[in-house]
Amino acid sequence: MPKVADYISPEAVKKLATSSNYRLGEEIAKNGKVEFVEFSSLKVIAQVSLPGKSSKRTVEMNTNKNGLNYKCTCSNKQDWFCKHCVAVRIILWEKTHASKNN
């Protein structure tokens, strides 16, 4: 089964997220905080904190035979790759690819 990291290349995510969510997610990844609660090749759960805010959003990404599933507690919208998902994607991409380069 494909791994979560197989679906989160920068090119793939630019197709999933709006340009504003992508930009905001980059800002969160740079200045906010992403903490992994669960981390495996098939499932990732992370808590995302915005700079200067005490609230956290929870992002879950997992794979199944149909591809990548994702959701965030910031919205009930289905198939919406929000800024929190983008931030998790950026940190996850760095984490998975840094380990391959070492």
PDB file of N, CA and C in Angstrom:
ATOM      1  N   MET A   1       0.854  -1.180   0.000  1.00  0.00           N
ATOM      2  CA  MET A   1       0.000   0.000   0.000  1.00  0.00           C
ATOM      3  C   MET A   1       0.900   1.243   0.000  1.00  0.00           C
ATOM      4  N   PRO A   2       0.533   2.263  -0.776  1.00  0.00           N
ATOM      5  CA  PRO A   2       1.333   3.495  -0.794  1.00  0.00           C
ATOM      6  C   PRO A   2       1.358   4.175   0.578  1.00  0.00           C
ATOM      7  N   LYS A   3       2.451   4.855   0.837  1.00  0.00           N
ATOM      8  CA  LYS A   3       2.633   5.570   2.096  1.00  0.00           C
ATOM      9  C   LYS A   3       2.090   6.983   1.994  1.00  0.00           C
ATOM     10  N   VAL A   4       1.825   7.601   3.126  1.00  0.00           N
ATOM     11  CA  VAL A   4       1.372   8.993   3.155  1.00  0.00           C
ATOM     12  C   VAL A   4       2.368   9.866   2.408  1.00  0.00           C
ATOM     13  N   ALA A   5       3.663   9.651   2.634  1.00  0.00           N
ATOM     14  CA  ALA A   5       4.702  10.466   1.998  1.00  0.00           C
ATOM     15  C   ALA A   5       4.661  10.375   0.471  1.00  0.00           C
ATOM     16  N   ASP A   6       4.099   9.297  -0.067  1.00  0.00           N
ATOM     17  CA  ASP A   6       3.994   9.149  -1.525  1.00  0.00           C
ATOM     18  C   ASP A   6       3.015  10.141  -2.150  1.00  0.00           C
ATOM     19  N   TYR A   7       2.144  10.713  -1.343  1.00  0.00           N
ATOM     20  CA  TYR A   7       1.097  11.607  -1.847  1.00  0.00           C
ATOM     21  C   TYR A   7       1.320  13.080  -1.522  1.00  0.00           C
ATOM     22  N   ILE A   8       2.413  13.415  -0.871  1.00  0.00           N
ATOM     23  CA  ILE A   8       2.553  14.779  -0.368  1.00  0.00           C
ATOM     24  C   ILE A   8       3.706  15.550  -0.989  1.00  0.00           C
ATOM     25  N   SER A   9       4.078  15.232  -2.195  1.00  0.00           N
ATOM     26  CA  SER A   9       5.124  16.015  -2.857  1.00  0.00           C
ATOM     27  C   SER A   9       4.626  17.451  -3.008  1.00  0.00           C
ATOM     28  N   PRO A  10       5.542  18.409  -3.082  1.00  0.00           N
ATOM     29  CA  PRO A  10       5.101  19.798  -3.263  1.00  0.00           C
ATOM     30  C   PRO A  10       4.181  19.970  -4.480  1.00  0.00           C
ATOM     31  N   GLU A  11       4.474  19.279  -5.551  1.00  0.00           N
ATOM     32  CA  GLU A  11       3.653  19.394  -6.762  1.00  0.00           C
ATOM     33  C   GLU A  11       2.249  18.849  -6.539  1.00  0.00           C
ATOM     34  N   ALA A  12       2.148  17.710  -5.863  1.00  0.00           N
ATOM     35  CA  ALA A  12       0.843  17.102  -5.609  1.00  0.00           C
ATOM     36  C   ALA A  12      -0.005  17.983  -4.702  1.00  0.00           C
ATOM     37  N   VAL A  13       0.606  18.549  -3.681  1.00  0.00           N
ATOM     38  CA  VAL A  13      -0.153  19.348  -2.727  1.00  0.00           C
ATOM     39  C   VAL A  13      -0.592  20.676  -3.329  1.00  0.00           C
ATOM     40  N   LYS A  14       0.175  21.219  -4.256  1.00  0.00           N
ATOM     41  CA  LYS A  14      -0.254  22.459  -4.912  1.00  0.00           C
ATOM     42  C   LYS A  14      -1.529  22.236  -5.718  1.00  0.00           C
ATOM     43  N   LYS A  15      -1.802  20.989  -6.087  1.00  0.00           N
ATOM     44  CA  LYS A  15      -3.052  20.662  -6.776  1.00  0.00           C
ATOM     45  C   LYS A  15      -4.201  20.466  -5.781  1.00  0.00           C
ATOM     46  N   LEU A  16      -3.876  20.075  -4.545  1.00  0.00           N
ATOM     47  CA  LEU A  16      -4.897  19.839  -3.529  1.00  0.00           C
ATOM     48  C   LEU A  16      -5.330  21.121  -2.811  1.00  0.00           C
ATOM     49  N   ALA A  17      -4.372  21.991  -2.530  1.00  0.00           N
ATOM     50  CA  ALA A  17      -4.638  23.194  -1.726  1.00  0.00           C
ATOM     51  C   ALA A  17      -4.828  24.414  -2.613  1.00  0.00           C
ATOM     52  N   THR A  18      -5.631  25.345  -2.148  1.00  0.00           N
ATOM     53  CA  THR A  18      -5.736  26.625  -2.845  1.00  0.00           C
ATOM     54  C   THR A  18      -4.408  27.362  -2.672  1.00  0.00           C
ATOM     55  N   SER A  19      -4.143  28.328  -3.518  1.00  0.00           N
ATOM     56  CA  SER A  19      -2.879  29.065  -3.417  1.00  0.00           C
ATOM     57  C   SER A  19      -2.779  29.808  -2.089  1.00  0.00           C
ATOM     58  N   SER A  20      -3.890  30.336  -1.584  1.00  0.00           N
ATOM     59  CA  SER A  20      -3.842  31.046  -0.298  1.00  0.00           C
ATOM     60  C   SER A  20      -3.601  30.067   0.855  1.00  0.00           C
ATOM     61  N   ASN A  21      -4.235  28.897   0.834  1.00  0.00           N
ATOM     62  CA  ASN A  21      -3.973  27.907   1.876  1.00  0.00           C
ATOM     63  C   ASN A  21      -2.537  27.404   1.813  1.00  0.00           C
ATOM     64  N   TYR A  22      -1.998  27.277   0.611  1.00  0.00           N
ATOM     65  CA  TYR A  22      -0.612  26.839   0.485  1.00  0.00           C
ATOM     66  C   TYR A  22       0.322  27.879   1.102  1.00  0.00           C
ATOM     67  N   ARG A  23       0.095  29.137   0.790  1.00  0.00           N
ATOM     68  CA  ARG A  23       0.925  30.221   1.321  1.00  0.00           C
ATOM     69  C   ARG A  23       0.807  30.299   2.845  1.00  0.00           C
ATOM     70  N   LEU A  24      -0.415  30.228   3.367  1.00  0.00           N
ATOM     71  CA  LEU A  24      -0.627  30.271   4.818  1.00  0.00           C
ATOM     72  C   LEU A  24      -0.015  29.049   5.515  1.00  0.00           C
ATOM     73  N   GLY A  25      -0.116  27.904   4.883  1.00  0.00           N
ATOM     74  CA  GLY A  25       0.491  26.690   5.434  1.00  0.00           C
ATOM     75  C   GLY A  25       2.003  26.789   5.503  1.00  0.00           C
ATOM     76  N   GLU A  26       2.608  27.405   4.487  1.00  0.00           N
ATOM     77  CA  GLU A  26       4.055  27.630   4.515  1.00  0.00           C
ATOM     78  C   GLU A  26       4.435  28.518   5.699  1.00  0.00           C
ATOM     79  N   GLU A  27       3.635  29.541   5.943  1.00  0.00           N
ATOM     80  CA  GLU A  27       3.888  30.455   7.054  1.00  0.00           C
ATOM     81  C   GLU A  27       3.755  29.733   8.400  1.00  0.00           C
ATOM     82  N   ILE A  28       2.752  28.888   8.523  1.00  0.00           N
ATOM     83  CA  ILE A  28       2.573  28.120   9.761  1.00  0.00           C
ATOM     84  C   ILE A  28       3.750  27.176   9.970  1.00  0.00           C
ATOM     85  N   ALA A  29       4.166  26.486   8.921  1.00  0.00           N
ATOM     86  CA  ALA A  29       5.291  25.551   9.035  1.00  0.00           C
ATOM     87  C   ALA A  29       6.565  26.282   9.461  1.00  0.00           C
ATOM     88  N   LYS A  30       6.710  27.491   8.996  1.00  0.00           N
ATOM     89  CA  LYS A  30       7.912  28.280   9.292  1.00  0.00           C
ATOM     90  C   LYS A  30       7.866  28.883  10.699  1.00  0.00           C
ATOM     91  N   ASN A  31       6.715  29.409  11.120  1.00  0.00           N
ATOM     92  CA  ASN A  31       6.614  30.162  12.368  1.00  0.00           C
ATOM     93  C   ASN A  31       5.745  29.525  13.442  1.00  0.00           C
ATOM     94  N   GLY A  32       4.995  28.512  13.080  1.00  0.00           N
ATOM     95  CA  GLY A  32       4.108  27.862  14.042  1.00  0.00           C
ATOM     96  C   GLY A  32       4.768  26.633  14.624  1.00  0.00           C
ATOM     97  N   LYS A  33       3.916  25.705  15.032  1.00  0.00           N
ATOM     98  CA  LYS A  33       4.428  24.491  15.651  1.00  0.00           C
ATOM     99  C   LYS A  33       3.609  23.306  15.171  1.00  0.00           C
ATOM    100  N   VAL A  34       4.293  22.284  14.679  1.00  0.00           N
ATOM    101  CA  VAL A  34       3.653  21.045  14.252  1.00  0.00           C
ATOM    102  C   VAL A  34       4.225  19.923  15.113  1.00  0.00           C
ATOM    103  N   GLU A  35       3.359  19.275  15.880  1.00  0.00           N
ATOM    104  CA  GLU A  35       3.771  18.167  16.742  1.00  0.00           C
ATOM    105  C   GLU A  35       3.086  16.891  16.256  1.00  0.00           C
ATOM    106  N   PHE A  36       3.877  15.850  16.008  1.00  0.00           N
ATOM    107  CA  PHE A  36       3.322  14.579  15.576  1.00  0.00           C
ATOM    108  C   PHE A  36       2.873  13.770  16.787  1.00  0.00           C
ATOM    109  N   VAL A  37       1.602  13.409  16.790  1.00  0.00           N
ATOM    110  CA  VAL A  37       1.012  12.600  17.850  1.00  0.00           C
ATOM    111  C   VAL A  37       1.168  11.125  17.495  1.00  0.00           C
ATOM    112  N   GLU A  38       0.965  10.822  16.222  1.00  0.00           N
ATOM    113  CA  GLU A  38       1.140   9.469  15.691  1.00  0.00           C
ATOM    114  C   GLU A  38       1.855   9.596  14.357  1.00  0.00           C
ATOM    115  N   PHE A  39       2.846   8.743  14.153  1.00  0.00           N
ATOM    116  CA  PHE A  39       3.641   8.843  12.933  1.00  0.00           C
ATOM    117  C   PHE A  39       4.015   7.446  12.465  1.00  0.00           C
ATOM    118  N   SER A  40       3.420   7.039  11.355  1.00  0.00           N
ATOM    119  CA  SER A  40       3.803   5.789  10.709  1.00  0.00           C
ATOM    120  C   SER A  40       3.722   6.026   9.204  1.00  0.00           C
ATOM    121  N   SER A  41       4.160   5.082   8.450  1.00  0.00           N
ATOM    122  CA  SER A  41       4.162   5.273   7.001  1.00  0.00           C
ATOM    123  C   SER A  41       2.748   5.362   6.424  1.00  0.00           C
ATOM    124  N   LEU A  42       1.757   4.775   7.107  1.00  0.00           N
ATOM    125  CA  LEU A  42       0.388   4.756   6.597  1.00  0.00           C
ATOM    126  C   LEU A  42      -0.557   5.721   7.290  1.00  0.00           C
ATOM    127  N   LYS A  43      -0.127   6.269   8.446  1.00  0.00           N
ATOM    128  CA  LYS A  43      -1.011   7.170   9.189  1.00  0.00           C
ATOM    129  C   LYS A  43      -0.193   8.210   9.942  1.00  0.00           C
ATOM    130  N   VAL A  44      -0.638   9.453   9.827  1.00  0.00           N
ATOM    131  CA  VAL A  44      -0.003  10.561  10.530  1.00  0.00           C
ATOM    132  C   VAL A  44      -1.096  11.380  11.206  1.00  0.00           C
ATOM    133  N   ILE A  45      -0.899  11.645  12.486  1.00  0.00           N
ATOM    134  CA  ILE A  45      -1.768  12.568  13.223  1.00  0.00           C
ATOM    135  C   ILE A  45      -0.854  13.624  13.821  1.00  0.00           C
ATOM    136  N   ALA A  46      -1.200  14.883  13.593  1.00  0.00           N
ATOM    137  CA  ALA A  46      -0.371  15.979  14.094  1.00  0.00           C
ATOM    138  C   ALA A  46      -1.244  17.074  14.675  1.00  0.00           C
ATOM    139  N   GLN A  47      -0.679  17.789  15.644  1.00  0.00           N
ATOM    140  CA  GLN A  47      -1.335  18.956  16.228  1.00  0.00           C
ATOM    141  C   GLN A  47      -0.599  20.182  15.708  1.00  0.00           C
ATOM    142  N   VAL A  48      -1.364  21.151  15.247  1.00  0.00           N
ATOM    143  CA  VAL A  48      -0.803  22.362  14.644  1.00  0.00           C
ATOM    144  C   VAL A  48      -1.211  23.568  15.478  1.00  0.00           C
ATOM    145  N   SER A  49      -0.210  24.346  15.886  1.00  0.00           N
ATOM    146  CA  SER A  49      -0.445  25.588  16.630  1.00  0.00           C
ATOM    147  C   SER A  49      -0.013  26.757  15.770  1.00  0.00           C
ATOM    148  N   LEU A  50      -0.861  27.748  15.716  1.00  0.00           N
ATOM    149  CA  LEU A  50      -0.527  28.964  14.982  1.00  0.00           C
ATOM    150  C   LEU A  50       0.320  29.880  15.863  1.00  0.00           C
ATOM    151  N   PRO A  51       1.181  30.677  15.250  1.00  0.00           N
ATOM    152  CA  PRO A  51       1.984  31.601  16.047  1.00  0.00           C
ATOM    153  C   PRO A  51       1.096  32.544  16.856  1.00  0.00           C
ATOM    154  N   GLY A  52       1.373  32.661  18.158  1.00  0.00           N
ATOM    155  CA  GLY A  52       0.639  33.576  19.017  1.00  0.00           C
ATOM    156  C   GLY A  52      -0.745  33.114  19.425  1.00  0.00           C
ATOM    157  N   LYS A  53      -1.131  31.900  19.088  1.00  0.00           N
ATOM    158  CA  LYS A  53      -2.459  31.378  19.433  1.00  0.00           C
ATOM    159  C   LYS A  53      -2.304  30.182  20.364  1.00  0.00           C
ATOM    160  N   SER A  54      -3.236  30.021  21.273  1.00  0.00           N
ATOM    161  CA  SER A  54      -3.166  28.886  22.197  1.00  0.00           C
ATOM    162  C   SER A  54      -3.933  27.665  21.681  1.00  0.00           C
ATOM    163  N   SER A  55      -4.841  27.880  20.746  1.00  0.00           N
ATOM    164  CA  SER A  55      -5.626  26.754  20.238  1.00  0.00           C
ATOM    165  C   SER A  55      -4.796  25.907  19.279  1.00  0.00           C
ATOM    166  N   LYS A  56      -5.178  24.634  19.200  1.00  0.00           N
ATOM    167  CA  LYS A  56      -4.507  23.697  18.301  1.00  0.00           C
ATOM    168  C   LYS A  56      -5.537  23.064  17.385  1.00  0.00           C
ATOM    169  N   ARG A  57      -5.100  22.743  16.202  1.00  0.00           N
ATOM    170  CA  ARG A  57      -5.914  21.996  15.243  1.00  0.00           C
ATOM    171  C   ARG A  57      -5.266  20.633  15.056  1.00  0.00           C
ATOM    172  N   THR A  58      -6.091  19.622  14.879  1.00  0.00           N
ATOM    173  CA  THR A  58      -5.579  18.274  14.669  1.00  0.00           C
ATOM    174  C   THR A  58      -5.782  17.876  13.212  1.00  0.00           C
ATOM    175  N   VAL A  59      -4.697  17.438  12.599  1.00  0.00           N
ATOM    176  CA  VAL A  59      -4.702  16.990  11.209  1.00  0.00           C
ATOM    177  C   VAL A  59      -4.426  15.493  11.202  1.00  0.00           C
ATOM    178  N   GLU A  60      -5.222  14.771  10.432  1.00  0.00           N
ATOM    179  CA  GLU A  60      -4.991  13.342  10.258  1.00  0.00           C
ATOM    180  C   GLU A  60      -4.871  13.040   8.775  1.00  0.00           C
ATOM    181  N   MET A  61      -3.835  12.289   8.429  1.00  0.00           N
ATOM    182  CA  MET A  61      -3.639  11.827   7.054  1.00  0.00           C
ATOM    183  C   MET A  61      -3.375  10.328   7.108  1.00  0.00           C
ATOM    184  N   ASN A  62      -4.022   9.595   6.205  1.00  0.00           N
ATOM    185  CA  ASN A  62      -3.768   8.162   6.111  1.00  0.00           C
ATOM    186  C   ASN A  62      -4.026   7.703   4.690  1.00  0.00           C
ATOM    187  N   THR A  63      -3.586   6.507   4.405  1.00  0.00           N
ATOM    188  CA  THR A  63      -3.788   5.962   3.061  1.00  0.00           C
ATOM    189  C   THR A  63      -4.620   4.693   3.135  1.00  0.00           C
ATOM    190  N   ASN A  64      -5.276   4.443   2.028  1.00  0.00           N
ATOM    191  CA  ASN A  64      -5.973   3.178   1.843  1.00  0.00           C
ATOM    192  C   ASN A  64      -5.885   2.840   0.364  1.00  0.00           C
ATOM    193  N   LYS A  65      -6.604   1.845  -0.074  1.00  0.00           N
ATOM    194  CA  LYS A  65      -6.501   1.424  -1.474  1.00  0.00           C
ATOM    195  C   LYS A  65      -6.936   2.515  -2.462  1.00  0.00           C
ATOM    196  N   ASN A  66      -7.699   3.499  -1.984  1.00  0.00           N
ATOM    197  CA  ASN A  66      -8.166   4.581  -2.859  1.00  0.00           C
ATOM    198  C   ASN A  66      -7.245   5.794  -2.883  1.00  0.00           C
ATOM    199  N   GLY A  67      -6.223   5.809  -2.035  1.00  0.00           N
ATOM    200  CA  GLY A  67      -5.291   6.938  -2.030  1.00  0.00           C
ATOM    201  C   GLY A  67      -5.168   7.594  -0.671  1.00  0.00           C
ATOM    202  N   LEU A  68      -4.962   8.904  -0.684  1.00  0.00           N
ATOM    203  CA  LEU A  68      -4.745   9.674   0.532  1.00  0.00           C
ATOM    204  C   LEU A  68      -6.065  10.200   1.084  1.00  0.00           C
ATOM    205  N   ASN A  69      -6.264  10.017   2.380  1.00  0.00           N
ATOM    206  CA  ASN A  69      -7.382  10.616   3.103  1.00  0.00           C
ATOM    207  C   ASN A  69      -6.805  11.654   4.052  1.00  0.00           C
ATOM    208  N   TYR A  70      -7.495  12.760   4.217  1.00  0.00           N
ATOM    209  CA  TYR A  70      -7.013  13.801   5.120  1.00  0.00           C
ATOM    210  C   TYR A  70      -8.199  14.556   5.691  1.00  0.00           C
ATOM    211  N   LYS A  71      -7.992  15.048   6.911  1.00  0.00           N
ATOM    212  CA  LYS A  71      -9.022  15.872   7.540  1.00  0.00           C
ATOM    213  C   LYS A  71      -8.352  16.725   8.608  1.00  0.00           C
ATOM    214  N   CYS A  72      -9.009  17.824   8.925  1.00  0.00           N
ATOM    215  CA  CYS A  72      -8.528  18.738   9.943  1.00  0.00           C
ATOM    216  C   CYS A  72      -9.720  19.172  10.788  1.00  0.00           C
ATOM    217  N   THR A  73      -9.466  19.438  12.047  1.00  0.00           N
ATOM    218  CA  THR A  73     -10.534  19.858  12.946  1.00  0.00           C
ATOM    219  C   THR A  73     -10.959  21.307  12.723  1.00  0.00           C
ATOM    220  N   CYS A  74     -10.308  22.022  11.801  1.00  0.00           N
ATOM    221  CA  CYS A  74     -10.699  23.415  11.548  1.00  0.00           C
ATOM    222  C   CYS A  74     -11.976  23.520  10.719  1.00  0.00           C
ATOM    223  N   SER A  75     -12.376  22.415  10.077  1.00  0.00           N
ATOM    224  CA  SER A  75     -13.537  22.473   9.196  1.00  0.00           C
ATOM    225  C   SER A  75     -14.186  21.102   9.075  1.00  0.00           C
ATOM    226  N   ASN A  76     -15.452  21.107   8.724  1.00  0.00           N
ATOM    227  CA  ASN A  76     -16.158  19.864   8.424  1.00  0.00           C
ATOM    228  C   ASN A  76     -16.179  19.571   6.929  1.00  0.00           C
ATOM    229  N   LYS A  77     -15.559  20.448   6.146  1.00  0.00           N
ATOM    230  CA  LYS A  77     -15.562  20.267   4.694  1.00  0.00           C
ATOM    231  C   LYS A  77     -14.782  19.015   4.313  1.00  0.00           C
ATOM    232  N   GLN A  78     -15.374  18.222   3.458  1.00  0.00           N
ATOM    233  CA  GLN A  78     -14.702  17.056   2.902  1.00  0.00           C
ATOM    234  C   GLN A  78     -13.778  17.506   1.781  1.00  0.00           C
ATOM    235  N   ASP A  79     -12.675  16.832   1.625  1.00  0.00           N
ATOM    236  CA  ASP A  79     -11.735  17.099   0.525  1.00  0.00           C
ATOM    237  C   ASP A  79     -11.236  18.544   0.500  1.00  0.00           C
ATOM    238  N   TRP A  80     -11.028  19.133   1.675  1.00  0.00           N
ATOM    239  CA  TRP A  80     -10.496  20.495   1.749  1.00  0.00           C
ATOM    240  C   TRP A  80      -9.130  20.416   2.390  1.00  0.00           C
ATOM    241  N   PHE A  81      -8.091  20.661   1.606  1.00  0.00           N
ATOM    242  CA  PHE A  81      -6.714  20.607   2.094  1.00  0.00           C
ATOM    243  C   PHE A  81      -6.376  21.994   2.629  1.00  0.00           C
ATOM    244  N   CYS A  82      -6.615  22.192   3.919  1.00  0.00           N
ATOM    245  CA  CYS A  82      -6.508  23.504   4.559  1.00  0.00           C
ATOM    246  C   CYS A  82      -5.051  23.878   4.847  1.00  0.00           C
ATOM    247  N   LYS A  83      -4.858  25.072   5.401  1.00  0.00           N
ATOM    248  CA  LYS A  83      -3.526  25.567   5.727  1.00  0.00           C
ATOM    249  C   LYS A  83      -2.838  24.686   6.768  1.00  0.00           C
ATOM    250  N   HIS A  84      -3.611  24.070   7.666  1.00  0.00           N
ATOM    251  CA  HIS A  84      -3.030  23.186   8.675  1.00  0.00           C
ATOM    252  C   HIS A  84      -2.509  21.904   8.023  1.00  0.00           C
ATOM    253  N   CYS A  85      -3.267  21.381   7.052  1.00  0.00           N
ATOM    254  CA  CYS A  85      -2.814  20.208   6.300  1.00  0.00           C
ATOM    255  C   CYS A  85      -1.531  20.530   5.535  1.00  0.00           C
ATOM    256  N   VAL A  86      -1.474  21.712   4.949  1.00  0.00           N
ATOM    257  CA  VAL A  86      -0.277  22.129   4.204  1.00  0.00           C
ATOM    258  C   VAL A  86       0.924  22.193   5.148  1.00  0.00           C
ATOM    259  N   ALA A  87       0.746  22.779   6.335  1.00  0.00           N
ATOM    260  CA  ALA A  87       1.848  22.880   7.296  1.00  0.00           C
ATOM    261  C   ALA A  87       2.359  21.495   7.692  1.00  0.00           C
ATOM    262  N   VAL A  88       1.436  20.575   7.952  1.00  0.00           N
ATOM    263  CA  VAL A  88       1.833  19.203   8.291  1.00  0.00           C
ATOM    264  C   VAL A  88       2.567  18.580   7.115  1.00  0.00           C
ATOM    265  N   ARG A  89       2.055  18.794   5.927  1.00  0.00           N
ATOM    266  CA  ARG A  89       2.698  18.255   4.731  1.00  0.00           C
ATOM    267  C   ARG A  89       4.140  18.732   4.605  1.00  0.00           C
ATOM    268  N   ILE A  90       4.382  20.006   4.822  1.00  0.00           N
ATOM    269  CA  ILE A  90       5.724  20.566   4.681  1.00  0.00           C
ATOM    270  C   ILE A  90       6.678  19.931   5.696  1.00  0.00           C
ATOM    271  N   ILE A  91       6.271  19.877   6.955  1.00  0.00           N
ATOM    272  CA  ILE A  91       7.126  19.298   7.999  1.00  0.00           C
ATOM    273  C   ILE A  91       7.323  17.801   7.757  1.00  0.00           C
ATOM    274  N   LEU A  92       6.269  17.105   7.367  1.00  0.00           N
ATOM    275  CA  LEU A  92       6.365  15.673   7.081  1.00  0.00           C
ATOM    276  C   LEU A  92       7.300  15.419   5.908  1.00  0.00           C
ATOM    277  N   TRP A  93       7.195  16.207   4.859  1.00  0.00           N
ATOM    278  CA  TRP A  93       8.067  16.071   3.684  1.00  0.00           C
ATOM    279  C   TRP A  93       9.529  16.275   4.093  1.00  0.00           C
ATOM    280  N   GLU A  94       9.788  17.319   4.880  1.00  0.00           N
ATOM    281  CA  GLU A  94      11.157  17.578   5.352  1.00  0.00           C
ATOM    282  C   GLU A  94      11.655  16.415   6.202  1.00  0.00           C
ATOM    283  N   LYS A  95      10.798  15.921   7.082  1.00  0.00           N
ATOM    284  CA  LYS A  95      11.184  14.834   7.985  1.00  0.00           C
ATOM    285  C   LYS A  95      11.472  13.546   7.214  1.00  0.00           C
ATOM    286  N   THR A  96      10.633  13.190   6.277  1.00  0.00           N
ATOM    287  CA  THR A  96      10.823  11.927   5.545  1.00  0.00           C
ATOM    288  C   THR A  96      11.970  12.023   4.554  1.00  0.00           C
ATOM    289  N   HIS A  97      12.184  13.186   3.979  1.00  0.00           N
ATOM    290  CA  HIS A  97      13.254  13.317   2.996  1.00  0.00           C
ATOM    291  C   HIS A  97      14.603  13.624   3.618  1.00  0.00           C
ATOM    292  N   ALA A  98      14.622  14.228   4.796  1.00  0.00           N
ATOM    293  CA  ALA A  98      15.885  14.450   5.506  1.00  0.00           C
ATOM    294  C   ALA A  98      16.475  13.116   5.933  1.00  0.00           C
ATOM    295  N   SER A  99      15.602  12.194   6.360  1.00  0.00           N
ATOM    296  CA  SER A  99      16.098  10.881   6.793  1.00  0.00           C
ATOM    297  C   SER A  99      16.640  10.074   5.618  1.00  0.00           C
ATOM    298  N   LYS A 100      16.123  10.312   4.419  1.00  0.00           N
ATOM    299  CA  LYS A 100      16.630   9.603   3.230  1.00  0.00           C
ATOM    300  C   LYS A 100      17.980  10.143   2.788  1.00  0.00           C
ATOM    301  N   ASN A 101      18.224  11.428   3.086  1.00  0.00           N
ATOM    302  CA  ASN A 101      19.467  12.057   2.646  1.00  0.00           C
ATOM    303  C   ASN A 101      20.605  11.891   3.646  1.00  0.00           C
ATOM    304  N   ASN A 102      20.340  11.329   4.803  1.00  0.00           N
ATOM    305  CA  ASN A 102      21.402  11.153   5.822  1.00  0.00           C
ATOM    306  C   ASN A 102      21.950   9.755   5.796  1.00  0.00           C
TER     307      ASN A 102
END
